[in-house]
Amino acid sequence: MTVIETLLNDWRIGAGDQTLFSASRVQDLLFELWGETEGPARELVQEWLTVTLHRELFSTEELEGLFGTLEALVPTS
């Protein structure tokens, strides 16, 4: 399992059945992901970091969309 897969898996486990997340919590995850990504995956994370500056809440559905796109951009172990 890659570091990115581990980070996303840990997020999913920690999120449990929570449906909304604060921008600061999402930023924490994105900063961790940013350090582990490069190329198009890093650009995607940077875009989302910018979005967190203008929003207060993020839903599970939209974050899962981000995670799916990110996983598709990152080579698996």
Protein backbone atom coordinates (compact mmCIF):
# COMPACT_ATOMS: atom_id res chain seq x y z
CA MET A 1 0.00 0.00 0.00
CA THR A 2 1.37 3.44 -0.94
CA VAL A 3 1.57 6.33 1.50
CA ILE A 4 -1.28 8.03 -0.34
CA GLU A 5 -3.46 4.91 -0.14
CA THR A 6 -2.68 4.71 3.57
CA LEU A 7 -3.56 8.38 4.15
CA LEU A 8 -6.87 8.03 2.31
CA ASN A 9 -7.72 4.76 4.03
CA ASP A 10 -6.96 6.27 7.45
CA TRP A 11 -9.14 9.29 6.58
CA ARG A 12 -12.02 7.02 5.59
CA ILE A 13 -11.74 4.98 8.77
CA GLY A 14 -11.47 8.10 10.94
CA ALA A 15 -14.41 9.74 9.20
CA GLY A 16 -16.75 6.90 10.05
CA ASP A 17 -20.30 7.98 9.30
CA GLN A 18 -19.56 11.72 9.46
CA THR A 19 -21.00 13.52 6.44
CA LEU A 20 -19.48 17.01 6.72
CA PHE A 21 -15.92 18.10 7.38
CA SER A 22 -14.42 21.47 8.25
CA ALA A 23 -12.09 23.18 5.81
CA SER A 24 -9.26 23.02 8.36
CA ARG A 25 -9.61 19.25 8.71
CA VAL A 26 -9.62 18.84 4.93
CA GLN A 27 -6.59 21.15 4.68
CA ASP A 28 -4.66 18.98 7.13
CA LEU A 29 -5.21 15.93 4.93
CA LEU A 30 -4.46 17.84 1.73
CA PHE A 31 -1.15 19.13 3.09
CA GLU A 32 -0.14 15.57 3.92
CA LEU A 33 -1.18 14.43 0.45
CA TRP A 34 0.63 17.34 -1.20
CA GLY A 35 3.91 16.18 0.31
CA GLU A 36 3.41 12.70 -1.13
CA THR A 37 2.28 13.64 -4.65
CA GLU A 38 3.82 15.00 -7.81
CA GLY A 39 2.73 15.99 -11.29
CA PRO A 40 -1.03 16.00 -12.03
CA ALA A 41 -1.86 14.54 -8.61
CA ARG A 42 -0.05 17.39 -6.85
CA GLU A 43 -1.79 19.93 -9.08
CA LEU A 44 -5.16 18.45 -8.10
CA VAL A 45 -4.28 18.66 -4.41
CA GLN A 46 -3.16 22.29 -4.87
CA GLU A 47 -6.48 23.15 -6.54
CA TRP A 48 -8.37 21.67 -3.61
CA LEU A 49 -6.19 23.52 -1.12
CA THR A 50 -7.18 26.75 -2.83
CA VAL A 51 -10.85 25.80 -2.58
CA THR A 52 -10.51 25.26 1.18
CA LEU A 53 -9.64 28.95 1.57
CA HIS A 54 -13.10 29.90 0.30
CA ARG A 55 -15.27 27.25 1.93
CA GLU A 56 -16.15 26.17 5.43
CA LEU A 57 -17.56 22.67 4.91
CA PHE A 58 -16.99 19.72 2.60
CA SER A 59 -19.25 16.71 2.15
CA THR A 60 -18.24 13.06 2.16
CA GLU A 61 -19.50 12.72 -1.42
CA GLU A 62 -17.32 15.47 -2.84
CA LEU A 63 -14.27 14.28 -0.91
CA GLU A 64 -14.79 10.73 -2.17
CA GLY A 65 -14.87 12.19 -5.68
CA LEU A 66 -11.53 13.87 -5.01
CA PHE A 67 -10.10 10.69 -3.53
CA GLY A 68 -11.21 8.62 -6.53
CA THR A 69 -9.62 11.06 -8.98
CA LEU A 70 -6.45 11.23 -6.90
CA GLU A 71 -6.18 7.45 -6.68
CA ALA A 72 -6.51 7.25 -10.46
CA LEU A 73 -3.63 9.71 -10.88
CA VAL A 74 -1.26 8.00 -8.46
CA PRO A 75 0.48 4.76 -9.38
CA THR A 76 -0.37 1.91 -7.04
CA SER A 77 2.21 -0.04 -5.10
